[in-house]
N, C-alpha and C. Protein backbone atom coordinates (compact mmCIF):
# COMPACT_ATOMS: atom_id res chain seq x y z
N UNK A 1 76.29 86.78 -88.28
CA UNK A 1 75.75 87.66 -88.75
C UNK A 1 76.11 88.73 -88.87
N UNK A 2 76.54 89.76 -89.95
CA UNK A 2 76.90 90.99 -89.63
C UNK A 2 75.99 92.08 -88.95
N UNK A 3 75.56 92.63 -88.40
CA UNK A 3 74.71 93.31 -87.48
C UNK A 3 73.81 92.90 -86.97
N UNK A 4 73.95 91.84 -86.32
CA UNK A 4 73.31 90.76 -85.49
C UNK A 4 73.05 91.69 -83.89
N UNK A 5 73.59 92.50 -83.84
CA UNK A 5 73.58 93.31 -82.19
C UNK A 5 73.57 94.88 -82.13
N UNK A 6 73.32 95.19 -81.23
CA UNK A 6 73.21 96.51 -81.01
C UNK A 6 72.01 97.19 -80.71
N UNK A 7 72.36 99.01 -80.86
CA UNK A 7 71.41 99.77 -80.66
C UNK A 7 71.07 100.84 -82.05
N UNK A 8 70.65 100.22 -83.07
CA UNK A 8 70.53 101.14 -83.92
C UNK A 8 70.67 102.87 -83.81
N UNK A 9 70.24 103.12 -82.64
CA UNK A 9 69.68 104.28 -82.14
C UNK A 9 71.38 105.45 -81.77
N UNK A 10 71.58 104.15 -81.38
CA UNK A 10 73.42 105.10 -80.98
C UNK A 10 73.99 106.15 -81.97
N UNK A 11 73.38 105.76 -83.57
CA UNK A 11 74.02 106.42 -84.32
C UNK A 11 72.85 107.36 -85.28
N UNK A 12 71.39 106.51 -85.09
CA UNK A 12 70.51 107.15 -85.64
C UNK A 12 69.88 108.31 -85.07
N UNK A 13 69.89 108.57 -83.94
CA UNK A 13 69.44 109.84 -82.44
C UNK A 13 70.42 111.11 -83.35
N UNK A 14 71.72 111.11 -82.73
CA UNK A 14 72.83 111.96 -82.98
C UNK A 14 72.86 112.43 -84.63
N UNK A 15 72.63 111.59 -85.68
CA UNK A 15 72.67 111.68 -86.87
C UNK A 15 71.38 112.76 -87.07
N UNK A 16 70.31 112.51 -86.46
CA UNK A 16 69.14 113.12 -86.56
C UNK A 16 68.80 114.17 -86.46
N UNK A 17 69.64 114.62 -85.21
CA UNK A 17 69.64 115.89 -84.45
C UNK A 17 70.93 116.80 -85.33
N UNK A 18 71.48 115.98 -85.52
CA UNK A 18 72.74 117.34 -86.33
C UNK A 18 71.85 117.98 -87.44
N UNK A 19 71.33 117.04 -88.31
CA UNK A 19 70.41 117.64 -89.08
C UNK A 19 69.77 118.45 -88.69
N UNK A 20 68.92 117.87 -87.73
CA UNK A 20 67.86 119.37 -87.22
C UNK A 20 68.59 120.37 -87.00
N UNK A 21 69.85 120.57 -86.14
CA UNK A 21 70.41 121.25 -85.59
C UNK A 21 70.92 122.20 -86.87
N UNK A 22 71.40 122.08 -88.00
CA UNK A 22 71.90 122.77 -88.96
C UNK A 22 70.42 123.58 -89.99
N UNK A 23 69.50 122.75 -89.94
CA UNK A 23 68.34 123.36 -90.76
C UNK A 23 67.79 124.08 -89.65
N UNK A 24 67.91 124.17 -88.07
CA UNK A 24 67.20 125.03 -87.49
C UNK A 24 67.85 126.15 -87.45
N UNK A 25 69.11 126.60 -87.35
CA UNK A 25 70.15 127.41 -87.20
C UNK A 25 70.16 128.09 -88.85
N UNK A 26 70.11 127.86 -89.91
CA UNK A 26 69.40 128.42 -90.74
C UNK A 26 68.42 128.92 -91.40
N UNK A 27 67.10 128.16 -90.42
CA UNK A 27 66.20 128.93 -90.64
C UNK A 27 65.86 129.75 -89.78
N UNK A 28 66.45 129.96 -88.75
CA UNK A 28 66.23 131.33 -87.66
C UNK A 28 67.62 132.46 -88.32
N UNK A 29 68.02 132.19 -89.04
CA UNK A 29 69.02 132.94 -89.77
C UNK A 29 70.32 133.24 -89.45
N UNK A 30 70.89 132.22 -88.86
CA UNK A 30 72.24 132.20 -88.78
C UNK A 30 73.17 132.26 -90.19
N UNK A 31 72.49 131.75 -91.31
CA UNK A 31 72.98 132.15 -92.27
C UNK A 31 71.65 132.53 -93.24
N UNK A 32 72.28 133.84 -94.51
CA UNK A 32 71.00 134.50 -95.20
C UNK A 32 70.43 133.11 -96.07
N UNK A 33 68.85 133.40 -96.21
CA UNK A 33 68.11 132.41 -96.82
C UNK A 33 68.30 131.80 -97.90
N UNK A 34 69.36 132.77 -98.87
CA UNK A 34 69.94 132.69 -99.95
C UNK A 34 70.82 131.54 -99.69
N UNK A 35 71.39 131.29 -98.63
CA UNK A 35 72.23 130.28 -98.53
C UNK A 35 71.67 128.94 -97.63
N UNK A 36 70.64 128.34 -97.81
CA UNK A 36 70.00 127.45 -97.29
C UNK A 36 70.43 125.89 -97.99
N UNK A 37 71.08 126.50 -99.29
CA UNK A 37 71.58 124.77 -99.74
C UNK A 37 73.38 124.57 -99.02
N UNK A 38 73.37 125.29 -97.68
CA UNK A 38 74.51 125.06 -96.79
C UNK A 38 74.14 124.02 -95.93
N UNK A 39 72.98 123.45 -95.94
CA UNK A 39 72.75 122.06 -95.12
C UNK A 39 72.88 121.02 -95.97
N UNK A 40 72.73 121.48 -97.38
CA UNK A 40 72.92 120.22 -97.88
C UNK A 40 73.98 118.85 -98.01
N UNK A 41 75.08 119.41 -97.50
CA UNK A 41 75.95 118.17 -97.56
C UNK A 41 75.77 117.48 -95.97
N UNK A 42 75.20 118.12 -95.30
CA UNK A 42 74.49 117.77 -93.80
C UNK A 42 73.35 116.75 -94.19
N UNK A 43 72.49 117.05 -94.60
CA UNK A 43 70.92 116.64 -94.58
C UNK A 43 71.30 115.27 -95.42
N UNK A 44 71.96 115.45 -96.77
CA UNK A 44 72.10 114.63 -97.69
C UNK A 44 73.16 113.62 -97.28
N UNK A 45 74.76 113.21 -97.59
CA UNK A 45 75.20 112.90 -96.91
C UNK A 45 75.54 112.49 -95.81
N UNK A 46 74.80 113.48 -95.17
CA UNK A 46 75.37 112.54 -92.88
C UNK A 46 73.68 112.15 -92.77
N UNK A 47 72.93 113.13 -92.75
CA UNK A 47 71.55 112.85 -91.75
C UNK A 47 70.92 111.94 -92.77
N UNK A 48 70.14 112.22 -93.98
CA UNK A 48 69.88 111.17 -94.97
C UNK A 48 69.93 109.94 -94.56
N UNK A 49 71.70 109.82 -95.69
CA UNK A 49 72.00 108.73 -95.61
C UNK A 49 72.12 107.92 -94.67
N UNK A 50 72.91 107.91 -93.30
CA UNK A 50 73.02 107.15 -92.58
C UNK A 50 71.75 106.90 -91.77
N UNK A 51 70.67 107.91 -91.87
CA UNK A 51 69.13 107.12 -91.58
C UNK A 51 68.93 105.80 -92.80
N UNK A 52 69.53 105.95 -92.97
CA UNK A 52 68.75 105.08 -94.04
C UNK A 52 69.91 103.31 -93.44
N UNK A 53 71.18 103.62 -93.56
CA UNK A 53 71.69 102.63 -92.93
C UNK A 53 71.29 102.33 -91.46
N UNK A 54 70.68 103.03 -91.11
CA UNK A 54 70.30 102.64 -89.60
C UNK A 54 68.76 102.11 -89.72
N UNK A 55 68.01 102.49 -90.73
CA UNK A 55 66.80 101.42 -91.14
C UNK A 55 67.07 100.21 -91.22
N UNK A 56 68.27 99.61 -92.24
CA UNK A 56 68.62 98.57 -92.59
C UNK A 56 69.16 97.57 -91.71
N UNK A 57 69.88 98.43 -90.45
CA UNK A 57 70.16 97.88 -88.94
C UNK A 57 69.62 97.47 -88.58
N UNK A 58 68.03 98.45 -88.53
CA UNK A 58 67.15 98.24 -87.08
C UNK A 58 66.22 96.91 -87.43
N UNK A 59 65.95 96.50 -89.50
CA UNK A 59 65.41 95.51 -89.92
C UNK A 59 66.43 94.71 -89.77
N UNK A 60 67.41 94.97 -89.55
CA UNK A 60 68.01 93.44 -89.56
C UNK A 60 68.18 92.79 -87.99
N UNK A 61 67.90 93.79 -87.41
CA UNK A 61 67.33 93.13 -85.79
C UNK A 61 65.94 93.05 -85.73
N UNK A 62 65.05 93.07 -86.89
CA UNK A 62 63.63 92.91 -86.48
C UNK A 62 62.81 94.01 -85.47
N UNK A 63 63.41 95.27 -85.88
CA UNK A 63 63.18 95.99 -84.79
C UNK A 63 62.34 97.63 -86.05
N UNK A 64 61.01 96.68 -86.35
CA UNK A 64 60.41 97.30 -87.09
C UNK A 64 60.02 98.78 -87.00
N UNK A 65 59.63 99.11 -85.68
CA UNK A 65 59.39 100.52 -85.56
C UNK A 65 60.20 101.55 -85.55
N UNK A 66 61.20 101.09 -84.72
CA UNK A 66 62.65 102.13 -85.20
C UNK A 66 63.14 101.88 -86.81
N UNK A 67 62.98 101.26 -87.87
CA UNK A 67 63.37 101.05 -88.96
C UNK A 67 62.06 101.98 -89.72
N UNK A 68 61.12 101.62 -89.23
CA UNK A 68 59.58 102.63 -89.51
C UNK A 68 60.48 104.16 -89.51
N UNK A 69 60.51 104.46 -88.50
CA UNK A 69 60.61 105.70 -88.10
C UNK A 69 61.78 106.30 -88.61
N UNK A 70 63.07 105.41 -88.57
CA UNK A 70 64.55 106.29 -88.84
C UNK A 70 64.32 106.09 -90.74
N UNK A 71 63.34 105.61 -91.50
CA UNK A 71 63.29 105.27 -92.55
C UNK A 71 62.76 106.62 -93.44
N UNK A 72 61.43 106.77 -92.71
CA UNK A 72 60.68 108.03 -92.78
C UNK A 72 60.98 108.82 -92.53
N UNK A 73 62.02 109.45 -91.70
CA UNK A 73 62.88 110.80 -91.22
C UNK A 73 64.26 110.75 -92.62
N UNK A 74 64.78 109.63 -93.06
CA UNK A 74 65.37 109.49 -94.35
C UNK A 74 64.92 109.74 -95.05
N UNK A 75 63.74 109.62 -95.20
CA UNK A 75 63.33 110.04 -96.44
C UNK A 75 62.79 111.29 -96.93
N UNK A 76 62.37 111.47 -95.15
CA UNK A 76 62.19 113.55 -95.71
C UNK A 76 63.33 113.85 -95.32
N UNK A 77 64.13 114.07 -95.08
CA UNK A 77 66.20 114.39 -95.07
C UNK A 77 66.25 114.26 -96.75
N UNK A 78 66.48 113.20 -97.17
CA UNK A 78 67.12 113.00 -98.19
C UNK A 78 65.65 113.97 -99.89
N UNK A 79 64.57 113.68 -99.44
CA UNK A 79 63.40 114.50 -100.34
C UNK A 79 64.01 116.19 -99.96
N UNK A 80 64.03 116.34 -99.20
CA UNK A 80 64.78 118.14 -98.20
C UNK A 80 65.96 118.54 -99.10
N UNK A 81 66.93 117.54 -99.22
CA UNK A 81 68.06 117.98 -99.84
C UNK A 81 67.72 117.80 -101.37
N UNK A 82 66.84 117.17 -102.01
CA UNK A 82 66.53 117.20 -103.02
C UNK A 82 65.83 118.67 -103.61
N UNK A 83 65.07 118.63 -102.77
CA UNK A 83 64.28 120.01 -102.57
C UNK A 83 64.69 121.23 -102.97
N UNK A 84 65.88 120.97 -102.39
CA UNK A 84 66.64 122.83 -102.37
C UNK A 84 67.66 122.67 -103.36
N UNK A 85 68.98 121.00 -103.67
CA UNK A 85 69.05 121.46 -104.61
C UNK A 85 68.39 121.63 -106.25
N UNK A 86 67.34 120.53 -106.45
CA UNK A 86 66.49 121.06 -107.64
C UNK A 86 65.91 122.80 -107.77
N UNK A 87 65.48 123.15 -106.24
CA UNK A 87 65.28 124.82 -106.56
C UNK A 87 66.03 125.31 -107.26
N UNK A 88 67.31 125.18 -106.17
CA UNK A 88 68.68 126.04 -106.40
C UNK A 88 69.32 125.88 -107.78
N UNK A 89 68.66 124.65 -108.50
CA UNK A 89 69.91 124.48 -109.80
C UNK A 89 68.37 124.01 -111.31
N UNK A 90 67.24 124.55 -110.86
CA UNK A 90 66.04 124.63 -111.77
C UNK A 90 66.24 122.81 -112.37
N UNK A 91 66.09 122.21 -111.98
CA UNK A 91 66.43 120.58 -111.82
C UNK A 91 64.65 120.53 -112.20
N UNK A 92 63.92 120.92 -111.60
CA UNK A 92 62.90 120.25 -111.71
C UNK A 92 61.89 121.19 -113.29
N UNK A 93 62.45 122.47 -113.60
CA UNK A 93 61.91 122.92 -114.31
C UNK A 93 60.88 123.73 -113.73
N UNK A 94 60.53 124.52 -112.38
CA UNK A 94 59.56 125.02 -111.44
C UNK A 94 59.54 126.30 -111.72
N UNK A 95 59.24 127.29 -111.62
CA UNK A 95 59.26 128.69 -112.14
C UNK A 95 59.65 129.40 -111.27
N UNK A 96 60.18 130.29 -110.99
CA UNK A 96 60.62 131.12 -109.89
C UNK A 96 59.20 131.20 -108.82
N UNK A 97 58.60 131.98 -109.49
CA UNK A 97 56.88 132.08 -108.78
C UNK A 97 55.93 131.27 -108.06
N UNK A 98 56.53 129.95 -108.78
CA UNK A 98 55.85 128.78 -107.81
C UNK A 98 56.81 128.14 -107.06
N UNK A 99 58.17 128.65 -106.79
CA UNK A 99 58.98 127.85 -105.61
C UNK A 99 58.33 127.78 -104.05
N UNK A 100 57.50 129.18 -103.88
CA UNK A 100 56.90 128.68 -102.58
C UNK A 100 55.95 128.07 -102.49
N UNK A 101 55.40 127.66 -103.42
CA UNK A 101 54.24 126.84 -103.50
C UNK A 101 54.93 125.01 -103.55
N UNK A 102 55.90 125.48 -103.75
CA UNK A 102 56.69 123.84 -103.69
C UNK A 102 57.05 123.45 -102.55
N UNK A 103 57.52 124.90 -102.09
CA UNK A 103 57.76 124.38 -100.70
C UNK A 103 56.83 124.07 -99.34
N UNK A 104 55.47 125.10 -99.83
CA UNK A 104 54.81 124.70 -99.17
C UNK A 104 53.96 123.16 -99.34
N UNK A 105 53.71 122.78 -100.15
CA UNK A 105 53.51 121.59 -100.74
C UNK A 105 54.26 120.46 -100.17
N UNK A 106 55.66 120.32 -100.27
CA UNK A 106 56.55 119.76 -99.25
C UNK A 106 56.50 119.43 -98.36
N UNK A 107 56.05 120.74 -97.19
CA UNK A 107 55.65 120.91 -96.15
C UNK A 107 54.78 120.18 -95.47
N UNK A 108 53.62 120.43 -96.48
CA UNK A 108 52.09 120.01 -95.88
C UNK A 108 52.19 118.59 -96.24
N UNK A 109 52.73 117.89 -97.25
CA UNK A 109 52.72 116.52 -97.41
C UNK A 109 53.59 115.45 -96.18
N UNK A 110 54.87 115.89 -96.17
CA UNK A 110 55.49 115.72 -94.64
C UNK A 110 54.71 115.85 -93.86
N UNK A 111 54.79 116.96 -93.04
CA UNK A 111 53.55 117.29 -92.05
C UNK A 111 52.25 116.07 -91.67
N UNK A 112 51.49 115.84 -92.96
CA UNK A 112 50.60 114.74 -92.99
C UNK A 112 51.05 113.42 -92.42
N UNK A 113 52.14 113.48 -93.18
CA UNK A 113 52.84 111.62 -92.93
C UNK A 113 53.18 111.81 -91.19
N UNK A 114 53.84 112.63 -90.52
CA UNK A 114 54.43 112.74 -89.27
C UNK A 114 53.23 112.98 -88.36
N UNK A 115 51.72 113.55 -88.45
CA UNK A 115 50.96 113.17 -87.89
C UNK A 115 50.54 111.90 -88.03
N UNK A 116 50.34 111.24 -88.74
CA UNK A 116 50.00 109.72 -88.62
C UNK A 116 51.42 108.81 -87.94
N UNK A 117 52.90 109.78 -88.40
CA UNK A 117 53.63 108.65 -87.61
C UNK A 117 53.41 108.84 -85.90
N UNK A 118 52.82 109.92 -85.62
CA UNK A 118 52.77 110.52 -84.07
C UNK A 118 51.80 109.27 -83.53
N UNK A 119 50.99 108.57 -83.90
CA UNK A 119 50.17 108.21 -83.54
C UNK A 119 50.71 106.44 -82.89
N UNK A 120 51.23 105.91 -83.93
CA UNK A 120 52.24 104.66 -83.08
C UNK A 120 53.42 105.15 -81.80
N UNK A 121 53.49 106.59 -82.27
CA UNK A 121 55.00 107.13 -80.93
C UNK A 121 54.34 107.00 -80.04
N UNK A 122 53.27 107.02 -80.07
CA UNK A 122 52.36 107.54 -78.39
C UNK A 122 52.76 106.35 -77.24
N UNK A 123 53.30 105.64 -77.87
CA UNK A 123 53.54 104.16 -77.02
C UNK A 123 54.87 103.95 -76.64
N UNK A 124 55.64 104.97 -77.39
CA UNK A 124 57.19 105.14 -76.88
C UNK A 124 57.44 106.17 -75.88
N UNK A 125 58.43 105.95 -75.43
CA UNK A 125 59.14 106.46 -74.53
C UNK A 125 58.35 108.54 -74.76
N UNK A 126 58.50 109.34 -73.88
CA UNK A 126 57.48 110.85 -74.35
C UNK A 126 58.38 111.22 -75.05
N UNK A 127 59.62 110.96 -75.13
CA UNK A 127 60.97 112.68 -75.78
C UNK A 127 60.41 111.91 -77.19
N UNK A 128 59.73 110.64 -77.22
CA UNK A 128 60.31 110.11 -79.08
C UNK A 128 58.63 111.01 -79.76
N UNK A 129 57.36 110.97 -78.86
CA UNK A 129 56.00 111.88 -79.70
C UNK A 129 56.46 113.04 -79.66
N UNK A 130 57.10 113.68 -78.71
CA UNK A 130 57.47 114.85 -78.12
C UNK A 130 58.14 115.43 -79.72
N UNK A 131 59.08 114.63 -80.46
CA UNK A 131 60.19 115.52 -81.49
C UNK A 131 59.23 115.13 -82.56
N UNK A 132 58.18 114.34 -82.71
CA UNK A 132 57.92 113.84 -83.84
C UNK A 132 56.11 114.77 -83.65
N UNK A 133 55.76 115.12 -82.85
CA UNK A 133 54.94 116.35 -82.57
C UNK A 133 55.70 117.94 -82.90
N UNK A 134 56.87 117.94 -82.84
CA UNK A 134 57.61 119.46 -83.40
C UNK A 134 57.87 119.35 -84.25
N UNK A 135 57.49 118.12 -84.67
CA UNK A 135 58.64 117.82 -86.69
C UNK A 135 56.81 118.40 -86.89
N UNK A 136 55.87 117.86 -86.60
CA UNK A 136 54.17 118.58 -87.28
C UNK A 136 54.65 119.85 -87.19
N UNK A 137 54.65 120.16 -86.08
CA UNK A 137 54.58 122.04 -85.87
C UNK A 137 55.27 122.62 -86.70
N UNK A 138 56.36 122.12 -86.75
CA UNK A 138 57.59 123.05 -87.85
C UNK A 138 57.21 122.77 -88.58
N UNK A 139 56.87 121.29 -89.45
CA UNK A 139 56.05 121.37 -91.00
C UNK A 139 55.02 122.45 -91.15
N UNK A 140 54.07 122.54 -90.19
CA UNK A 140 52.80 123.28 -90.49
C UNK A 140 53.29 124.97 -90.40
N UNK A 141 54.17 125.35 -89.28
CA UNK A 141 54.41 126.43 -89.66
C UNK A 141 55.41 126.90 -91.02
N UNK A 142 56.21 125.97 -91.19
CA UNK A 142 56.96 125.94 -92.62
C UNK A 142 55.96 126.67 -93.79
N UNK A 143 54.72 125.71 -93.91
CA UNK A 143 53.92 125.79 -94.92
C UNK A 143 53.28 127.06 -94.76
N UNK A 144 53.02 127.49 -93.65
CA UNK A 144 52.06 128.29 -93.47
C UNK A 144 53.05 129.52 -94.00
N UNK A 145 54.82 129.79 -93.58
CA UNK A 145 54.92 130.38 -94.00
C UNK A 145 55.52 131.13 -95.61
N UNK A 146 55.77 129.47 -95.86
CA UNK A 146 55.59 129.40 -97.48
C UNK A 146 54.29 130.13 -98.25
N UNK A 147 53.35 129.59 -97.43
CA UNK A 147 51.98 130.35 -98.15
C UNK A 147 51.67 132.00 -98.16
N UNK A 148 52.36 132.51 -96.96
CA UNK A 148 51.80 133.67 -96.64
C UNK A 148 53.07 134.39 -96.95
N UNK A 149 54.27 133.82 -97.19
CA UNK A 149 55.27 134.83 -97.39
C UNK A 149 56.05 135.46 -96.61
N UNK A 150 55.91 134.95 -95.13
CA UNK A 150 56.11 135.31 -94.22
C UNK A 150 57.27 134.62 -93.89
N UNK A 151 58.48 135.22 -93.77
CA UNK A 151 59.99 134.89 -93.30
C UNK A 151 59.33 135.11 -91.54
N UNK A 152 59.27 135.52 -90.75
CA UNK A 152 58.65 135.20 -89.16
C UNK A 152 58.46 133.83 -88.86
N UNK A 153 57.63 133.55 -89.72
CA UNK A 153 56.83 132.48 -89.31
C UNK A 153 57.65 131.17 -89.35
N UNK A 154 58.70 131.00 -90.88
CA UNK A 154 59.95 130.54 -90.98
C UNK A 154 61.15 130.41 -89.95
N UNK A 155 61.25 131.76 -88.81
CA UNK A 155 62.17 131.54 -87.84
C UNK A 155 61.34 130.76 -87.23
N UNK A 156 59.97 130.80 -86.48
CA UNK A 156 59.54 130.04 -85.38
C UNK A 156 60.05 128.47 -86.10
N UNK A 157 59.57 128.50 -87.01
CA UNK A 157 59.76 126.62 -87.48
C UNK A 157 61.21 126.81 -87.30
N UNK A 158 62.34 127.37 -87.27
CA UNK A 158 63.70 126.88 -87.39
C UNK A 158 63.74 127.24 -85.78
N UNK A 159 63.01 127.58 -84.93
CA UNK A 159 63.21 127.58 -83.30
C UNK A 159 62.57 126.19 -82.79
N UNK A 160 61.57 125.80 -83.30
CA UNK A 160 60.95 124.78 -82.97
C UNK A 160 61.78 123.65 -83.44
N UNK A 161 62.63 123.33 -84.48
CA UNK A 161 63.38 122.44 -85.21
C UNK A 161 64.78 122.30 -84.35
N UNK A 162 65.09 123.58 -83.13
CA UNK A 162 66.13 123.50 -82.17
C UNK A 162 65.71 123.04 -81.05
N UNK A 163 64.54 122.96 -80.99
CA UNK A 163 64.33 122.56 -79.70
C UNK A 163 64.28 121.18 -79.67
N UNK A 164 63.42 120.37 -81.12
CA UNK A 164 63.85 119.11 -81.21
C UNK A 164 65.10 118.38 -81.35
N UNK A 165 65.96 119.40 -82.07
CA UNK A 165 67.45 118.56 -82.11
C UNK A 165 68.08 118.62 -80.89
N UNK A 166 67.71 119.42 -79.50
CA UNK A 166 68.43 119.26 -78.66
C UNK A 166 67.73 118.04 -77.70
N UNK A 167 66.01 117.63 -77.99
CA UNK A 167 65.29 116.33 -77.57
C UNK A 167 66.39 115.31 -78.35
N UNK A 168 66.70 115.27 -79.66
CA UNK A 168 67.57 114.24 -79.74
C UNK A 168 68.78 113.95 -79.60
N UNK A 169 69.83 115.06 -79.36
CA UNK A 169 71.16 114.93 -78.48
C UNK A 169 70.42 114.42 -77.44
N UNK A 170 69.56 114.62 -76.80
CA UNK A 170 68.99 114.04 -74.94
C UNK A 170 69.61 113.07 -75.20
N UNK A 171 68.18 111.95 -76.17
CA UNK A 171 67.84 111.12 -76.07
C UNK A 171 69.22 110.03 -76.60
N UNK A 172 69.98 110.60 -77.09
CA UNK A 172 71.06 110.35 -77.77
C UNK A 172 72.12 109.92 -76.64
N UNK A 173 72.40 110.85 -75.67
CA UNK A 173 73.21 110.77 -74.36
C UNK A 173 72.46 109.49 -73.55
N UNK A 174 71.66 109.68 -73.37
CA UNK A 174 70.66 108.91 -72.65
C UNK A 174 70.88 107.12 -73.34
N UNK A 175 70.71 107.21 -74.93
CA UNK A 175 71.13 105.58 -75.16
C UNK A 175 72.99 105.59 -75.10
N UNK A 176 73.37 106.23 -75.33
CA UNK A 176 74.94 106.05 -75.64
C UNK A 176 75.24 105.60 -74.02
N UNK A 177 75.12 106.35 -73.20
CA UNK A 177 75.36 106.27 -71.01
C UNK A 177 74.93 104.49 -71.36
N UNK A 178 73.91 104.40 -71.58
CA UNK A 178 73.09 103.58 -71.26
C UNK A 178 73.61 101.90 -72.20
N UNK A 179 74.08 102.02 -72.99
CA UNK A 179 75.17 101.01 -73.68
C UNK A 179 76.32 101.14 -73.36
N UNK A 180 76.92 101.63 -72.36
CA UNK A 180 77.97 101.95 -71.36
C UNK A 180 78.04 101.15 -70.35
N UNK A 181 76.70 100.68 -69.80
CA UNK A 181 76.40 100.23 -68.49
C UNK A 181 75.71 101.10 -67.66
N UNK A 182 75.50 102.11 -67.89
CA UNK A 182 75.07 102.78 -66.82
C UNK A 182 73.22 102.64 -66.69
N UNK A 183 72.65 102.61 -65.89
CA UNK A 183 71.69 102.27 -64.94
C UNK A 183 70.22 103.24 -65.36
N UNK A 184 70.46 104.26 -65.07
CA UNK A 184 69.82 105.26 -65.17
C UNK A 184 70.88 106.96 -65.45
N UNK A 185 71.30 106.80 -66.25
CA UNK A 185 72.18 107.72 -66.94
C UNK A 185 71.66 109.23 -66.93
N UNK A 186 70.00 109.29 -67.09
CA UNK A 186 69.35 110.68 -67.57
C UNK A 186 68.21 110.23 -66.94
N UNK A 187 67.48 111.74 -66.06
CA UNK A 187 66.24 111.33 -65.88
C UNK A 187 65.23 110.74 -67.24
N UNK A 188 64.32 110.12 -66.87
CA UNK A 188 63.46 109.32 -67.56
C UNK A 188 63.21 110.07 -69.00
N UNK A 189 63.29 109.04 -70.01
CA UNK A 189 63.06 109.92 -71.39
C UNK A 189 61.44 110.14 -71.24
N UNK A 190 60.54 109.99 -70.21
CA UNK A 190 59.51 110.06 -70.02
C UNK A 190 58.51 108.55 -70.18
N UNK A 191 57.45 108.74 -69.23
CA UNK A 191 56.39 107.39 -69.92
C UNK A 191 55.88 107.37 -70.64
N UNK A 192 55.63 106.47 -72.02
CA UNK A 192 54.57 106.41 -73.18
C UNK A 192 53.21 107.20 -72.67
N UNK A 193 52.75 108.15 -73.99
CA UNK A 193 51.71 108.89 -73.21
C UNK A 193 50.77 107.65 -73.43
N UNK A 194 50.66 106.38 -74.32
CA UNK A 194 49.52 105.90 -74.34
C UNK A 194 49.93 104.30 -74.13
N UNK A 195 48.96 103.38 -73.50
CA UNK A 195 50.11 102.17 -72.86
C UNK A 195 49.13 101.07 -73.80
């Protein structure tokens, strides 16, 4: 059977982290805010698409929670790409005056979902609920930035996203070294917060 083995996180973690890195860099001002569309190739054709592949891989292996988490994040990244492309090209007929409210709605909706995703993640090694918790914080701050029109809050959200990207890369190296036979490649990813 195709896909009858392996660990889907070997692909899921780095592809998530690279999307977060790109988004965080743009939000902190690496590129001007008008160039936010520059991340679309990464978040659409890499992070969103390949997290969908990871979701199928995990589902084939019966890894329900991995499939649920990666599928949720795939939806986030794909819809972020859709939001960016749609607003930039006026696909949705949203008036320029309503763009900030549209972004606020996006971050509130996804932030709420990630709050609920955080609950079952508390049973995973601590690095995973930390990542989801940081996603919740980044969404909340990005929503506040859109609501208030405060670019500094968007930068704060970007820095939070960079921290979660680092945690994603850290977890990836751990999974990668473990896949190659290392017993304890890095310090533990943290004990579950809830047993």
